């Protein structure tokens, strides 16, 4: 799936994550800011990249500000931001693509 415009999902509340996606420069450029980066940074990165892969996103700039979100929350925020970037508002395959 192509990232057509900048879009955001999530909040900066505790146990949430704010995910911003923008059109990229030919690759996935990932930036993560997290209060738990030293403990869970590898898992956060893997969850984001896996979710983007399942959505078919290969070219994007992704910025994540994590406030201790669970993997399922991170997946939902990434999925939502990607759908918003494509103006998808009807018949969304929530959970159908993400497992």
C-alpha atoms as a PDB file:
ATOM      1  CA  UNK A   1       0.000   0.000   0.000  1.00  0.00           C
ATOM      2  CA  UNK A   2       1.293   3.441  -0.876  1.00  0.00           C
ATOM      3  CA  UNK A   3       1.484   6.299   1.637  1.00  0.00           C
ATOM      4  CA  UNK A   4      -0.231   9.110  -0.269  1.00  0.00           C
ATOM      5  CA  UNK A   5      -0.146  11.874   2.348  1.00  0.00           C
ATOM      6  CA  UNK A   6       0.898  12.494   5.937  1.00  0.00           C
ATOM      7  CA  UNK A   7      -1.429  10.997   8.526  1.00  0.00           C
ATOM      8  CA  UNK A   8      -1.405  10.382  12.269  1.00  0.00           C
ATOM      9  CA  UNK A   9      -3.076   8.028  14.732  1.00  0.00           C
ATOM     10  CA  UNK A  10      -2.899   7.745  18.504  1.00  0.00           C
ATOM     11  CA  UNK A  11      -2.208  10.074  21.403  1.00  0.00           C
ATOM     12  CA  UNK A  12       0.559  10.948  23.819  1.00  0.00           C
ATOM     13  CA  UNK A  13      -1.371   9.533  26.776  1.00  0.00           C
ATOM     14  CA  UNK A  14       0.171   6.879  28.991  1.00  0.00           C
ATOM     15  CA  UNK A  15       0.017   3.368  27.470  1.00  0.00           C
ATOM     16  CA  UNK A  16      -0.573   4.739  23.960  1.00  0.00           C
ATOM     17  CA  UNK A  17       1.563   5.636  20.961  1.00  0.00           C
ATOM     18  CA  UNK A  18       1.337   8.405  18.372  1.00  0.00           C
ATOM     19  CA  UNK A  19       2.208   7.129  14.905  1.00  0.00           C
ATOM     20  CA  UNK A  20       2.820   9.490  11.990  1.00  0.00           C
ATOM     21  CA  UNK A  21       3.312   8.240   8.435  1.00  0.00           C
ATOM     22  CA  UNK A  22       4.478  10.323   5.489  1.00  0.00           C
ATOM     23  CA  UNK A  23       5.471   9.543   1.905  1.00  0.00           C
ATOM     24  CA  UNK A  24       9.016   8.193   1.843  1.00  0.00           C
ATOM     25  CA  UNK A  25      12.101   8.319  -0.308  1.00  0.00           C
ATOM     26  CA  UNK A  26      12.149   4.749  -1.585  1.00  0.00           C
ATOM     27  CA  UNK A  27      12.546   2.892   1.709  1.00  0.00           C
ATOM     28  CA  UNK A  28      11.145   2.646   5.229  1.00  0.00           C
ATOM     29  CA  UNK A  29      12.633   5.392   7.404  1.00  0.00           C
ATOM     30  CA  UNK A  30      11.685   4.680  11.018  1.00  0.00           C
ATOM     31  CA  UNK A  31      12.136   6.981  13.995  1.00  0.00           C
ATOM     32  CA  UNK A  32      11.114   5.793  17.472  1.00  0.00           C
ATOM     33  CA  UNK A  33      10.974   7.811  20.673  1.00  0.00           C
ATOM     34  CA  UNK A  34      10.003   5.794  23.729  1.00  0.00           C
ATOM     35  CA  UNK A  35      10.292   5.948  27.487  1.00  0.00           C
ATOM     36  CA  UNK A  36      10.994   2.195  27.411  1.00  0.00           C
ATOM     37  CA  UNK A  37      13.311   2.112  24.385  1.00  0.00           C
ATOM     38  CA  UNK A  38      16.131   0.425  26.308  1.00  0.00           C
ATOM     39  CA  UNK A  39      13.921  -2.420  27.517  1.00  0.00           C
ATOM     40  CA  UNK A  40      11.602  -2.911  24.537  1.00  0.00           C
ATOM     41  CA  UNK A  41      13.099  -1.012  21.597  1.00  0.00           C
ATOM     42  CA  UNK A  42      13.785  -4.111  19.484  1.00  0.00           C
ATOM     43  CA  UNK A  43      10.246  -5.422  20.017  1.00  0.00           C
ATOM     44  CA  UNK A  44       8.660  -2.039  19.235  1.00  0.00           C
ATOM     45  CA  UNK A  45      10.698  -1.771  16.020  1.00  0.00           C
ATOM     46  CA  UNK A  46       9.852  -5.353  15.004  1.00  0.00           C
ATOM     47  CA  UNK A  47       6.121  -4.797  15.621  1.00  0.00           C
ATOM     48  CA  UNK A  48       6.076  -1.619  13.511  1.00  0.00           C
ATOM     49  CA  UNK A  49       8.030  -3.159  10.627  1.00  0.00           C
ATOM     50  CA  UNK A  50       5.950  -6.350  10.673  1.00  0.00           C
ATOM     51  CA  UNK A  51       2.718  -4.343  10.569  1.00  0.00           C
ATOM     52  CA  UNK A  52       3.958  -2.191   7.691  1.00  0.00           C
ATOM     53  CA  UNK A  53       5.024  -5.357   5.858  1.00  0.00           C
ATOM     54  CA  UNK A  54       1.609  -6.971   6.256  1.00  0.00           C
ATOM     55  CA  UNK A  55       0.016  -3.800   4.882  1.00  0.00           C
ATOM     56  CA  UNK A  56       2.396  -3.829   1.912  1.00  0.00           C
ATOM     57  CA  UNK A  57       4.039  -0.523   2.816  1.00  0.00           C
ATOM     58  CA  UNK A  58       7.567  -0.388   1.393  1.00  0.00           C
ATOM     59  CA  UNK A  59       8.146   3.362   1.078  1.00  0.00           C
ATOM     60  CA  UNK A  60       7.381   5.612   4.056  1.00  0.00           C
ATOM     61  CA  UNK A  61       8.749   7.865   6.723  1.00  0.00           C
ATOM     62  CA  UNK A  62       7.331   6.628  10.032  1.00  0.00           C
ATOM     63  CA  UNK A  63       7.652   8.451  13.338  1.00  0.00           C
ATOM     64  CA  UNK A  64       6.488   6.799  16.550  1.00  0.00           C
ATOM     65  CA  UNK A  65       6.289   8.427  19.968  1.00  0.00           C
ATOM     66  CA  UNK A  66       5.592   5.569  22.377  1.00  0.00           C
ATOM     67  CA  UNK A  67       4.310   6.020  25.906  1.00  0.00           C
ATOM     68  CA  UNK A  68       4.414   2.370  26.945  1.00  0.00           C
ATOM     69  CA  UNK A  69       1.887   0.984  24.458  1.00  0.00           C
ATOM     70  CA  UNK A  70       1.297  -2.746  24.119  1.00  0.00           C
ATOM     71  CA  UNK A  71       2.076  -4.450  20.796  1.00  0.00           C
ATOM     72  CA  UNK A  72      -1.634  -4.644  19.895  1.00  0.00           C
ATOM     73  CA  UNK A  73      -1.964  -0.879  20.383  1.00  0.00           C
ATOM     74  CA  UNK A  74       1.100  -0.167  18.247  1.00  0.00           C
ATOM     75  CA  UNK A  75      -0.269  -2.413  15.477  1.00  0.00           C
ATOM     76  CA  UNK A  76      -3.650  -0.652  15.589  1.00  0.00           C
ATOM     77  CA  UNK A  77      -2.064   2.814  15.477  1.00  0.00           C
ATOM     78  CA  UNK A  78       0.185   1.924  12.523  1.00  0.00           C
ATOM     79  CA  UNK A  79      -2.730   0.352  10.663  1.00  0.00           C
ATOM     80  CA  UNK A  80      -4.969   3.375  11.302  1.00  0.00           C
ATOM     81  CA  UNK A  81      -2.322   5.904  10.215  1.00  0.00           C
ATOM     82  CA  UNK A  82      -1.718   4.003   6.961  1.00  0.00           C
ATOM     83  CA  UNK A  83      -5.451   3.825   6.201  1.00  0.00           C
ATOM     84  CA  UNK A  84      -5.848   7.533   6.962  1.00  0.00           C
ATOM     85  CA  UNK A  85      -2.978   8.370   4.615  1.00  0.00           C
ATOM     86  CA  UNK A  86      -5.020   6.777   1.835  1.00  0.00           C
ATOM     87  CA  UNK A  87      -8.337   8.402   2.846  1.00  0.00           C
ATOM     88  CA  UNK A  88      -9.799   4.955   3.502  1.00  0.00           C
ATOM     89  CA  UNK A  89     -12.958   5.476   5.558  1.00  0.00           C
ATOM     90  CA  UNK A  90     -15.338   2.700   4.514  1.00  0.00           C
ATOM     91  CA  UNK A  91     -15.162  -1.090   4.547  1.00  0.00           C
ATOM     92  CA  UNK A  92     -11.853  -1.095   6.385  1.00  0.00           C
ATOM     93  CA  UNK A  93     -10.361  -4.559   6.895  1.00  0.00           C
ATOM     94  CA  UNK A  94      -9.728  -3.953  10.619  1.00  0.00           C
ATOM     95  CA  UNK A  95      -7.901  -6.928  11.945  1.00  0.00           C
ATOM     96  CA  UNK A  96      -8.257  -8.693   8.610  1.00  0.00           C
ATOM     97  CA  UNK A  97      -4.742  -7.779   7.504  1.00  0.00           C
ATOM     98  CA  UNK A  98      -3.177  -7.554  10.958  1.00  0.00           C
ATOM     99  CA  UNK A  99      -2.924 -10.717  13.026  1.00  0.00           C
END
